[in-house]
N, C-alpha and C. Protein backbone atom coordinates (compact mmCIF):
# COMPACT_ATOMS: atom_id res chain seq x y z
N UNK A 1 146.13 122.02 108.27
CA UNK A 1 145.51 122.09 106.97
C UNK A 1 146.17 123.23 106.22
N UNK A 2 146.56 122.97 105.00
CA UNK A 2 147.27 123.98 104.24
C UNK A 2 146.76 123.98 102.81
N UNK A 3 146.31 125.14 102.35
CA UNK A 3 145.92 125.29 100.96
C UNK A 3 147.12 125.85 100.23
N UNK A 4 147.59 125.15 99.22
CA UNK A 4 148.75 125.62 98.46
C UNK A 4 148.31 125.79 97.02
N UNK A 5 148.30 127.04 96.52
CA UNK A 5 147.91 127.24 95.13
C UNK A 5 148.96 126.69 94.19
N UNK A 6 148.56 126.27 92.99
CA UNK A 6 149.54 125.77 92.05
C UNK A 6 150.56 126.85 91.70
N UNK A 7 151.80 126.45 91.52
CA UNK A 7 152.87 127.40 91.24
C UNK A 7 153.00 127.73 89.77
N UNK A 8 152.45 126.89 88.92
CA UNK A 8 152.58 127.17 87.50
C UNK A 8 151.21 127.28 86.86
N UNK A 9 151.16 128.03 85.80
CA UNK A 9 149.96 128.13 84.99
C UNK A 9 149.90 126.87 84.16
N UNK A 10 148.80 126.18 84.16
CA UNK A 10 148.73 124.92 83.43
C UNK A 10 148.81 125.10 81.93
N UNK A 11 148.68 126.34 81.44
CA UNK A 11 148.74 126.60 80.01
C UNK A 11 150.12 127.08 79.56
N UNK A 12 151.05 127.23 80.48
CA UNK A 12 152.40 127.62 80.10
C UNK A 12 153.39 127.08 81.10
N UNK A 13 154.65 127.15 80.77
CA UNK A 13 155.69 126.67 81.66
C UNK A 13 156.24 127.79 82.54
N UNK A 14 155.70 128.99 82.43
CA UNK A 14 156.16 130.11 83.24
C UNK A 14 155.60 130.01 84.65
N UNK A 15 156.43 130.35 85.65
CA UNK A 15 155.96 130.39 87.02
C UNK A 15 155.13 131.64 87.24
N UNK A 16 154.07 131.51 88.01
CA UNK A 16 153.26 132.68 88.35
C UNK A 16 154.06 133.55 89.30
N UNK A 17 154.08 134.83 89.02
CA UNK A 17 154.87 135.72 89.86
C UNK A 17 154.14 136.08 91.15
N UNK A 18 152.84 135.92 91.17
CA UNK A 18 152.09 136.33 92.34
C UNK A 18 150.86 135.45 92.50
N UNK A 19 150.56 135.07 93.72
CA UNK A 19 149.36 134.31 94.01
C UNK A 19 148.16 135.26 93.94
N UNK A 20 147.12 134.89 93.20
CA UNK A 20 145.95 135.77 93.11
C UNK A 20 145.31 135.97 94.48
N UNK A 21 144.81 137.16 94.72
CA UNK A 21 144.12 137.46 95.98
C UNK A 21 142.62 137.37 95.76
N UNK A 22 141.95 136.76 96.72
CA UNK A 22 140.49 136.68 96.71
C UNK A 22 140.03 137.24 98.05
N UNK A 23 139.08 138.17 98.01
CA UNK A 23 138.60 138.81 99.23
C UNK A 23 137.15 138.44 99.47
N UNK A 24 136.83 138.14 100.71
CA UNK A 24 135.45 137.86 101.11
C UNK A 24 134.83 139.16 101.61
N UNK A 25 133.70 139.54 101.03
CA UNK A 25 132.99 140.76 101.43
C UNK A 25 131.64 140.32 101.98
N UNK A 26 131.49 140.31 103.30
CA UNK A 26 130.23 139.87 103.91
C UNK A 26 129.06 140.79 103.53
N UNK A 27 127.91 140.19 103.29
CA UNK A 27 126.70 140.96 102.97
C UNK A 27 125.55 140.42 103.82
N UNK A 28 124.66 141.32 104.28
CA UNK A 28 123.54 140.86 105.10
C UNK A 28 122.61 139.91 104.34
N UNK A 29 122.38 140.19 103.07
CA UNK A 29 121.56 139.30 102.24
C UNK A 29 122.53 138.45 101.41
N UNK A 30 122.83 137.29 101.85
CA UNK A 30 123.79 136.43 101.18
C UNK A 30 124.68 135.78 102.21
N UNK A 31 125.96 135.95 102.05
CA UNK A 31 126.92 135.31 102.95
C UNK A 31 127.51 136.32 103.91
N UNK A 32 127.45 136.00 105.19
CA UNK A 32 128.07 136.83 106.22
C UNK A 32 129.24 136.09 106.84
N UNK A 33 129.84 136.68 107.87
CA UNK A 33 130.98 136.06 108.54
C UNK A 33 130.60 134.68 109.09
N UNK A 34 129.42 134.56 109.68
CA UNK A 34 129.02 133.25 110.22
C UNK A 34 128.82 132.21 109.12
N UNK A 35 128.62 132.66 107.89
CA UNK A 35 128.52 131.71 106.77
C UNK A 35 129.84 130.97 106.59
N UNK A 36 130.94 131.71 106.70
CA UNK A 36 132.24 131.06 106.60
C UNK A 36 132.48 130.19 107.83
N UNK A 37 131.91 130.59 108.97
CA UNK A 37 131.96 129.74 110.16
C UNK A 37 131.22 128.44 109.91
N UNK A 38 130.10 128.54 109.21
CA UNK A 38 129.32 127.36 108.85
C UNK A 38 130.15 126.41 107.97
N UNK A 39 130.90 126.98 107.03
CA UNK A 39 131.78 126.16 106.20
C UNK A 39 132.84 125.48 107.06
N UNK A 40 133.44 126.25 107.97
CA UNK A 40 134.50 125.70 108.83
C UNK A 40 133.95 124.55 109.68
N UNK A 41 132.75 124.73 110.23
CA UNK A 41 132.13 123.67 111.04
C UNK A 41 131.86 122.44 110.16
N UNK A 42 131.32 122.65 108.97
CA UNK A 42 131.03 121.54 108.06
C UNK A 42 132.29 120.79 107.67
N UNK A 43 133.35 121.54 107.38
CA UNK A 43 134.63 120.91 107.03
C UNK A 43 135.16 120.11 108.21
N UNK A 44 135.09 120.69 109.40
CA UNK A 44 135.56 119.99 110.60
C UNK A 44 134.79 118.68 110.80
N UNK A 45 133.48 118.73 110.67
CA UNK A 45 132.65 117.55 110.91
C UNK A 45 132.84 116.46 109.85
N UNK A 46 133.29 116.85 108.66
CA UNK A 46 133.50 115.87 107.59
C UNK A 46 134.71 114.97 107.86
N UNK A 47 135.67 115.46 108.66
CA UNK A 47 136.91 114.74 108.95
C UNK A 47 137.70 114.40 107.68
N UNK A 48 137.47 115.15 106.60
CA UNK A 48 138.17 114.90 105.34
C UNK A 48 139.32 115.88 105.11
N UNK A 49 139.49 116.83 105.99
CA UNK A 49 140.60 117.78 105.92
C UNK A 49 141.53 117.44 107.07
N UNK A 50 142.79 117.19 106.73
CA UNK A 50 143.73 116.70 107.73
C UNK A 50 144.91 117.65 107.89
N UNK A 51 145.60 117.49 109.01
CA UNK A 51 146.81 118.28 109.26
C UNK A 51 148.02 117.53 108.69
N UNK A 52 149.21 118.04 108.97
CA UNK A 52 150.43 117.45 108.43
C UNK A 52 150.65 116.01 108.91
N UNK A 53 150.07 115.65 110.02
CA UNK A 53 150.22 114.30 110.57
C UNK A 53 149.12 113.35 110.09
N UNK A 54 148.22 113.84 109.26
CA UNK A 54 147.14 113.00 108.75
C UNK A 54 145.95 112.90 109.67
N UNK A 55 145.95 113.67 110.75
CA UNK A 55 144.83 113.67 111.70
C UNK A 55 143.82 114.72 111.26
N UNK A 56 142.53 114.52 111.60
CA UNK A 56 141.54 115.55 111.24
C UNK A 56 141.96 116.93 111.74
N UNK A 57 141.88 117.90 110.85
CA UNK A 57 142.29 119.27 111.20
C UNK A 57 141.36 119.84 112.25
N UNK A 58 141.91 120.49 113.28
CA UNK A 58 141.07 121.11 114.30
C UNK A 58 140.32 122.32 113.73
N UNK A 59 139.19 122.60 114.33
CA UNK A 59 138.34 123.71 113.89
C UNK A 59 139.13 125.01 113.75
N UNK A 60 139.96 125.34 114.71
CA UNK A 60 140.68 126.61 114.68
C UNK A 60 141.62 126.67 113.48
N UNK A 61 142.25 125.56 113.11
CA UNK A 61 143.14 125.55 111.95
C UNK A 61 142.35 125.74 110.65
N UNK A 62 141.19 125.11 110.60
CA UNK A 62 140.33 125.27 109.42
C UNK A 62 139.89 126.72 109.30
N UNK A 63 139.47 127.31 110.42
CA UNK A 63 139.02 128.70 110.42
C UNK A 63 140.15 129.64 109.99
N UNK A 64 141.35 129.44 110.53
CA UNK A 64 142.49 130.28 110.16
C UNK A 64 142.84 130.13 108.69
N UNK A 65 142.72 128.92 108.16
CA UNK A 65 142.99 128.69 106.74
C UNK A 65 141.99 129.45 105.88
N UNK A 66 140.71 129.43 106.26
CA UNK A 66 139.70 130.19 105.53
C UNK A 66 139.98 131.69 105.61
N UNK A 67 140.36 132.17 106.79
CA UNK A 67 140.70 133.60 106.95
C UNK A 67 141.84 133.98 106.02
N UNK A 68 142.87 133.16 105.97
CA UNK A 68 144.02 133.45 105.11
C UNK A 68 143.67 133.35 103.63
N UNK A 69 142.87 132.34 103.29
CA UNK A 69 142.52 132.13 101.88
C UNK A 69 141.67 133.27 101.33
N UNK A 70 140.78 133.81 102.16
CA UNK A 70 139.83 134.81 101.67
C UNK A 70 140.00 136.19 102.28
N UNK A 71 141.13 136.40 102.96
CA UNK A 71 141.51 137.73 103.46
C UNK A 71 140.41 138.41 104.29
N UNK A 72 139.97 137.73 105.34
CA UNK A 72 138.99 138.31 106.27
C UNK A 72 139.35 137.83 107.66
N UNK A 73 138.60 138.29 108.66
CA UNK A 73 138.85 137.91 110.04
C UNK A 73 137.54 137.56 110.72
N UNK A 74 137.48 136.40 111.33
CA UNK A 74 136.29 135.99 112.07
C UNK A 74 136.08 136.84 113.32
N UNK A 75 137.13 137.40 113.85
CA UNK A 75 137.05 137.96 115.19
C UNK A 75 137.20 136.78 116.13
N UNK A 76 136.19 136.47 116.88
CA UNK A 76 136.20 135.29 117.74
C UNK A 76 135.49 134.15 117.01
N UNK A 77 136.26 133.27 116.43
CA UNK A 77 135.71 132.19 115.61
C UNK A 77 134.84 131.24 116.44
N UNK A 78 135.14 131.10 117.72
CA UNK A 78 134.33 130.22 118.56
C UNK A 78 132.95 130.82 118.84
N UNK A 79 132.86 132.15 118.86
CA UNK A 79 131.54 132.79 118.97
C UNK A 79 130.73 132.55 117.71
N UNK A 80 131.40 132.60 116.56
CA UNK A 80 130.73 132.31 115.30
C UNK A 80 130.20 130.88 115.31
N UNK A 81 131.03 129.95 115.75
CA UNK A 81 130.61 128.54 115.83
C UNK A 81 129.42 128.40 116.77
N UNK A 82 129.45 129.09 117.89
CA UNK A 82 128.37 129.04 118.87
C UNK A 82 127.07 129.59 118.26
N UNK A 83 127.17 130.69 117.51
CA UNK A 83 125.97 131.27 116.89
C UNK A 83 125.36 130.30 115.87
N UNK A 84 126.18 129.55 115.19
CA UNK A 84 125.67 128.58 114.22
C UNK A 84 124.85 127.51 114.93
N UNK A 85 125.40 126.97 116.01
CA UNK A 85 124.69 125.90 116.72
C UNK A 85 123.52 126.41 117.56
N UNK A 86 123.41 127.72 117.72
CA UNK A 86 122.25 128.25 118.45
C UNK A 86 121.11 128.61 117.48
N UNK A 87 121.31 128.41 116.19
CA UNK A 87 120.25 128.66 115.21
C UNK A 87 119.14 127.65 115.37
N UNK A 88 117.96 128.04 114.87
CA UNK A 88 116.85 127.09 114.83
C UNK A 88 117.19 126.00 113.83
N UNK A 89 116.66 124.79 114.01
CA UNK A 89 117.04 123.66 113.14
C UNK A 89 116.92 123.96 111.64
N UNK A 90 115.89 124.68 111.22
CA UNK A 90 115.73 124.95 109.79
C UNK A 90 116.71 126.00 109.28
N UNK A 91 117.46 126.65 110.16
CA UNK A 91 118.45 127.65 109.75
C UNK A 91 119.89 127.20 109.98
N UNK A 92 120.10 125.96 110.40
CA UNK A 92 121.45 125.49 110.72
C UNK A 92 122.40 125.60 109.52
N UNK A 93 121.90 125.36 108.33
CA UNK A 93 122.75 125.38 107.14
C UNK A 93 122.35 126.52 106.20
N UNK A 94 122.12 127.68 106.75
CA UNK A 94 121.66 128.84 105.98
C UNK A 94 122.58 129.14 104.79
N UNK A 95 123.86 129.20 105.02
CA UNK A 95 124.82 129.55 103.97
C UNK A 95 124.88 128.46 102.90
N UNK A 96 124.95 127.22 103.35
CA UNK A 96 124.99 126.12 102.39
C UNK A 96 123.72 126.07 101.56
N UNK A 97 122.57 126.32 102.19
CA UNK A 97 121.30 126.37 101.46
C UNK A 97 121.28 127.51 100.46
N UNK A 98 121.81 128.66 100.86
CA UNK A 98 121.88 129.83 99.97
C UNK A 98 122.71 129.49 98.73
N UNK A 99 123.87 128.90 98.92
CA UNK A 99 124.73 128.55 97.79
C UNK A 99 124.10 127.45 96.93
N UNK A 100 123.46 126.48 97.58
CA UNK A 100 122.78 125.42 96.83
C UNK A 100 121.71 126.01 95.93
N UNK A 101 120.94 126.96 96.47
CA UNK A 101 119.87 127.59 95.68
C UNK A 101 120.42 128.41 94.52
N UNK A 102 121.59 129.04 94.69
CA UNK A 102 122.21 129.76 93.57
C UNK A 102 122.53 128.80 92.42
N UNK A 103 123.07 127.63 92.77
CA UNK A 103 123.42 126.63 91.76
C UNK A 103 122.16 126.10 91.09
N UNK A 104 121.12 125.83 91.86
CA UNK A 104 119.85 125.33 91.31
C UNK A 104 119.27 126.35 90.33
N UNK A 105 119.25 127.64 90.75
CA UNK A 105 118.73 128.70 89.86
C UNK A 105 119.54 128.79 88.57
N UNK A 106 120.86 128.74 88.67
CA UNK A 106 121.71 128.82 87.48
C UNK A 106 121.46 127.63 86.57
N UNK A 107 121.31 126.45 87.14
CA UNK A 107 121.03 125.26 86.36
C UNK A 107 119.68 125.37 85.65
N UNK A 108 118.68 125.90 86.34
CA UNK A 108 117.36 126.08 85.74
C UNK A 108 117.43 127.07 84.57
N UNK A 109 118.18 128.14 84.74
CA UNK A 109 118.33 129.13 83.66
C UNK A 109 119.01 128.49 82.46
N UNK A 110 120.05 127.69 82.71
CA UNK A 110 120.76 127.02 81.62
C UNK A 110 119.82 126.06 80.88
N UNK A 111 119.01 125.31 81.63
CA UNK A 111 118.06 124.39 81.00
C UNK A 111 117.01 125.14 80.20
N UNK A 112 116.49 126.25 80.78
CA UNK A 112 115.50 127.07 80.08
C UNK A 112 116.09 127.65 78.80
N UNK A 113 117.33 128.09 78.86
CA UNK A 113 118.00 128.64 77.68
C UNK A 113 118.18 127.59 76.60
N UNK A 114 118.52 126.37 77.00
CA UNK A 114 118.73 125.32 76.00
C UNK A 114 117.41 124.88 75.35
N UNK A 115 116.31 125.02 76.09
CA UNK A 115 115.00 124.66 75.53
C UNK A 115 114.56 125.70 74.50
N UNK A 116 114.83 126.97 74.79
CA UNK A 116 114.38 128.03 73.88
C UNK A 116 115.31 128.19 72.67
N UNK A 117 116.49 127.62 72.71
CA UNK A 117 117.42 127.75 71.56
C UNK A 117 117.29 126.64 70.61
């Protein structure tokens, strides 16, 4: 699995001189390292991310791609995966639920703003 950022700015014909850096900063209230593990597990289970041969990307490749994309380190990614599956059923998708709720709140604020304007 390979994430390749676009080489050109869609608003100009100039090549970008540098790929933007994005850093993941884990927080206890919000997204932690296991949250990215949750994403890696979800991506793996979807079978929609493939390797160069068109086969479903293995978990370790997905995890390494996330580490490279967001400049962090899982440490032992398989321990992270294990911690996810050892959660209670209502906490299995903690990170995904957290992000879903952020979008729901933002949508509610936008709707409330449009009603008052």
